[in-house]
Amino acid sequence: MRILYIEDDPNDANLITRYMQATQHELVLVSDANEARSLDAQQFDLIMVDVVLNHTRDGYKLAQELRERGYQQPVIAVTGLSLPKEIEACYDAGFSFVLTKPFEIPQLVNVIETYGK
């Protein structure tokens, strides 16, 4: 499976990268929404987006843009925002699921198995 992960925190990016190296999944990691916008989303089976990117909530906008452009595969919010209104905002923006930080590898594995092809 080909996975795009948009994450600006180097520690979180490193955790995902280390896990993915132990799988057969291909991970493409970018650090901001503009870099993600330059890629063809249709080339990915799953997209994971940190909601808060570079101190803005650009992840919401990115998810909306992906849906408006016809991306129909799962888009997973990866966020430390866990209040009910923030979770609801994720679904309103077009996310398929919300993975809250901090998370453990088994939770990540479950999300990938559930939402991946």
C-alpha atoms as a PDB file:
ATOM      1  CA  MET A   1       0.000   0.000   0.000  1.00  0.00           C
ATOM      2  CA  ARG A   2       1.208   3.522  -0.748  1.00  0.00           C
ATOM      3  CA  ILE A   3       0.652   5.944   2.151  1.00  0.00           C
ATOM      4  CA  LEU A   4       1.115   9.712   2.246  1.00  0.00           C
ATOM      5  CA  TYR A   5       1.728  11.179   5.695  1.00  0.00           C
ATOM      6  CA  ILE A   6       1.764  14.942   6.236  1.00  0.00           C
ATOM      7  CA  GLU A   7       3.461  15.636   9.565  1.00  0.00           C
ATOM      8  CA  ASP A   8       5.522  18.627  10.724  1.00  0.00           C
ATOM      9  CA  ASP A   9       6.715  17.161  14.038  1.00  0.00           C
ATOM     10  CA  PRO A  10      10.026  15.336  13.464  1.00  0.00           C
ATOM     11  CA  ASN A  11       9.462  12.990  16.419  1.00  0.00           C
ATOM     12  CA  ASP A  12       6.071  11.844  15.143  1.00  0.00           C
ATOM     13  CA  ALA A  13       7.415  11.559  11.600  1.00  0.00           C
ATOM     14  CA  ASN A  14      10.304   9.440  12.856  1.00  0.00           C
ATOM     15  CA  LEU A  15       7.971   7.109  14.758  1.00  0.00           C
ATOM     16  CA  ILE A  16       5.841   6.469  11.666  1.00  0.00           C
ATOM     17  CA  THR A  17       8.893   6.105   9.421  1.00  0.00           C
ATOM     18  CA  ARG A  18      10.491   3.555  11.741  1.00  0.00           C
ATOM     19  CA  TYR A  19       7.298   1.534  11.881  1.00  0.00           C
ATOM     20  CA  MET A  20       6.740   1.642   8.120  1.00  0.00           C
ATOM     21  CA  GLN A  21      10.275   0.423   7.438  1.00  0.00           C
ATOM     22  CA  ALA A  22       9.272  -2.830   9.117  1.00  0.00           C
ATOM     23  CA  THR A  23       6.289  -3.284   6.775  1.00  0.00           C
ATOM     24  CA  GLN A  24       5.801  -3.688   3.059  1.00  0.00           C
ATOM     25  CA  HIS A  25       3.979  -0.363   2.835  1.00  0.00           C
ATOM     26  CA  GLU A  26       5.528   2.518   0.938  1.00  0.00           C
ATOM     27  CA  LEU A  27       5.531   5.733   2.958  1.00  0.00           C
ATOM     28  CA  VAL A  28       5.837   9.179   1.435  1.00  0.00           C
ATOM     29  CA  LEU A  29       6.417  11.735   4.173  1.00  0.00           C
ATOM     30  CA  VAL A  30       6.016  15.483   3.703  1.00  0.00           C
ATOM     31  CA  SER A  31       6.172  18.188   6.343  1.00  0.00           C
ATOM     32  CA  ASP A  32       3.523  20.681   5.242  1.00  0.00           C
ATOM     33  CA  ALA A  33       0.236  21.017   3.386  1.00  0.00           C
ATOM     34  CA  ASN A  34       1.736  22.962   0.475  1.00  0.00           C
ATOM     35  CA  GLU A  35       4.178  20.163  -0.210  1.00  0.00           C
ATOM     36  CA  ALA A  36       1.296  17.677  -0.060  1.00  0.00           C
ATOM     37  CA  ARG A  37      -0.734  19.793  -2.488  1.00  0.00           C
ATOM     38  CA  SER A  38       2.062  19.475  -5.044  1.00  0.00           C
ATOM     39  CA  LEU A  39       1.618  15.684  -5.118  1.00  0.00           C
ATOM     40  CA  ASP A  40      -1.006  13.694  -7.018  1.00  0.00           C
ATOM     41  CA  ALA A  41      -3.219  12.404  -4.205  1.00  0.00           C
ATOM     42  CA  GLN A  42      -4.681   9.740  -6.484  1.00  0.00           C
ATOM     43  CA  GLN A  43      -1.346   7.893  -6.321  1.00  0.00           C
ATOM     44  CA  PHE A  44      -1.935   7.078  -2.657  1.00  0.00           C
ATOM     45  CA  ASP A  45      -4.106   4.368  -1.111  1.00  0.00           C
ATOM     46  CA  LEU A  46      -4.284   6.154   2.235  1.00  0.00           C
ATOM     47  CA  ILE A  47      -3.482   9.690   3.368  1.00  0.00           C
ATOM     48  CA  MET A  48      -2.714  10.583   6.966  1.00  0.00           C
ATOM     49  CA  VAL A  49      -2.737  14.267   7.932  1.00  0.00           C
ATOM     50  CA  ASP A  50      -1.602  15.993  11.095  1.00  0.00           C
ATOM     51  CA  VAL A  51      -4.414  18.484  11.682  1.00  0.00           C
ATOM     52  CA  VAL A  52      -2.148  21.153  13.200  1.00  0.00           C
ATOM     53  CA  LEU A  53       0.611  21.886  10.706  1.00  0.00           C
ATOM     54  CA  ASN A  54       3.141  24.637  11.363  1.00  0.00           C
ATOM     55  CA  HIS A  55       0.992  26.137  14.135  1.00  0.00           C
ATOM     56  CA  THR A  56      -2.119  26.396  11.934  1.00  0.00           C
ATOM     57  CA  ARG A  57      -5.026  24.032  11.495  1.00  0.00           C
ATOM     58  CA  ASP A  58      -4.224  23.624   7.815  1.00  0.00           C
ATOM     59  CA  GLY A  59      -4.989  19.909   8.020  1.00  0.00           C
ATOM     60  CA  TYR A  60      -8.727  20.640   7.996  1.00  0.00           C
ATOM     61  CA  LYS A  61      -8.400  22.669   4.820  1.00  0.00           C
ATOM     62  CA  LEU A  62      -6.217  20.034   3.190  1.00  0.00           C
ATOM     63  CA  ALA A  63      -8.777  17.302   3.884  1.00  0.00           C
ATOM     64  CA  GLN A  64     -11.551  19.456   2.420  1.00  0.00           C
ATOM     65  CA  GLU A  65      -9.449  20.137  -0.681  1.00  0.00           C
ATOM     66  CA  LEU A  66      -8.715  16.441  -1.155  1.00  0.00           C
ATOM     67  CA  ARG A  67     -12.420  15.632  -1.041  1.00  0.00           C
ATOM     68  CA  GLU A  68     -13.307  18.524  -3.369  1.00  0.00           C
ATOM     69  CA  ARG A  69     -10.738  17.202  -5.871  1.00  0.00           C
ATOM     70  CA  GLY A  70     -12.429  13.810  -5.832  1.00  0.00           C
ATOM     71  CA  TYR A  71     -10.077  11.845  -3.595  1.00  0.00           C
ATOM     72  CA  GLN A  72     -12.253   8.997  -2.326  1.00  0.00           C
ATOM     73  CA  GLN A  73      -9.732   6.874  -0.448  1.00  0.00           C
ATOM     74  CA  PRO A  74      -9.457   7.161   3.341  1.00  0.00           C
ATOM     75  CA  VAL A  75      -8.002  10.325   4.856  1.00  0.00           C
ATOM     76  CA  ILE A  76      -6.983   9.882   8.483  1.00  0.00           C
ATOM     77  CA  ALA A  77      -6.615  12.809  10.893  1.00  0.00           C
ATOM     78  CA  VAL A  78      -3.627  12.405  13.205  1.00  0.00           C
ATOM     79  CA  THR A  79      -4.020  14.950  15.960  1.00  0.00           C
ATOM     80  CA  GLY A  80      -3.526  15.893  19.558  1.00  0.00           C
ATOM     81  CA  LEU A  81      -6.848  17.759  19.407  1.00  0.00           C
ATOM     82  CA  SER A  82      -9.259  15.524  21.252  1.00  0.00           C
ATOM     83  CA  LEU A  83     -12.199  17.631  22.383  1.00  0.00           C
ATOM     84  CA  PRO A  84     -15.519  16.432  20.943  1.00  0.00           C
ATOM     85  CA  LYS A  85     -15.947  19.625  18.878  1.00  0.00           C
ATOM     86  CA  GLU A  86     -12.475  19.138  17.373  1.00  0.00           C
ATOM     87  CA  ILE A  87     -13.180  15.507  16.513  1.00  0.00           C
ATOM     88  CA  GLU A  88     -16.469  16.586  14.923  1.00  0.00           C
ATOM     89  CA  ALA A  89     -14.619  19.259  12.925  1.00  0.00           C
ATOM     90  CA  CYS A  90     -12.342  16.536  11.562  1.00  0.00           C
ATOM     91  CA  TYR A  91     -15.278  14.518  10.266  1.00  0.00           C
ATOM     92  CA  ASP A  92     -16.922  17.679   8.912  1.00  0.00           C
ATOM     93  CA  ALA A  93     -13.725  18.422   6.977  1.00  0.00           C
ATOM     94  CA  GLY A  94     -13.872  15.025   5.291  1.00  0.00           C
ATOM     95  CA  PHE A  95     -11.617  12.850   7.403  1.00  0.00           C
ATOM     96  CA  SER A  96     -12.534   9.150   7.505  1.00  0.00           C
ATOM     97  CA  PHE A  97     -11.178   8.546  11.004  1.00  0.00           C
ATOM     98  CA  VAL A  98      -9.389  10.414  13.793  1.00  0.00           C
ATOM     99  CA  LEU A  99      -6.257   8.934  15.370  1.00  0.00           C
ATOM    100  CA  THR A 100      -5.459  10.954  18.466  1.00  0.00           C
ATOM    101  CA  LYS A 101      -1.940  11.564  19.731  1.00  0.00           C
ATOM    102  CA  PRO A 102      -0.240  10.160  21.569  1.00  0.00           C
ATOM    103  CA  PHE A 103      -0.987   6.806  20.016  1.00  0.00           C
ATOM    104  CA  GLU A 104       0.722   3.455  20.204  1.00  0.00           C
ATOM    105  CA  ILE A 105       1.884   1.336  17.282  1.00  0.00           C
ATOM    106  CA  PRO A 106      -0.965  -1.217  17.671  1.00  0.00           C
ATOM    107  CA  GLN A 107      -3.455   1.631  17.188  1.00  0.00           C
ATOM    108  CA  LEU A 108      -1.634   2.724  14.035  1.00  0.00           C
ATOM    109  CA  VAL A 109      -1.554  -0.848  12.749  1.00  0.00           C
ATOM    110  CA  ASN A 110      -5.305  -1.154  13.353  1.00  0.00           C
ATOM    111  CA  VAL A 111      -6.010   2.056  11.423  1.00  0.00           C
ATOM    112  CA  ILE A 112      -3.875   0.966   8.478  1.00  0.00           C
ATOM    113  CA  GLU A 113      -5.459  -2.505   8.414  1.00  0.00           C
ATOM    114  CA  THR A 114      -8.955  -1.062   8.715  1.00  0.00           C
ATOM    115  CA  TYR A 115      -8.682   1.789   6.219  1.00  0.00           C
ATOM    116  CA  GLY A 116      -5.981   0.542   3.853  1.00  0.00           C
ATOM    117  CA  LYS A 117      -6.621  -1.512   0.772  1.00  0.00           C
END
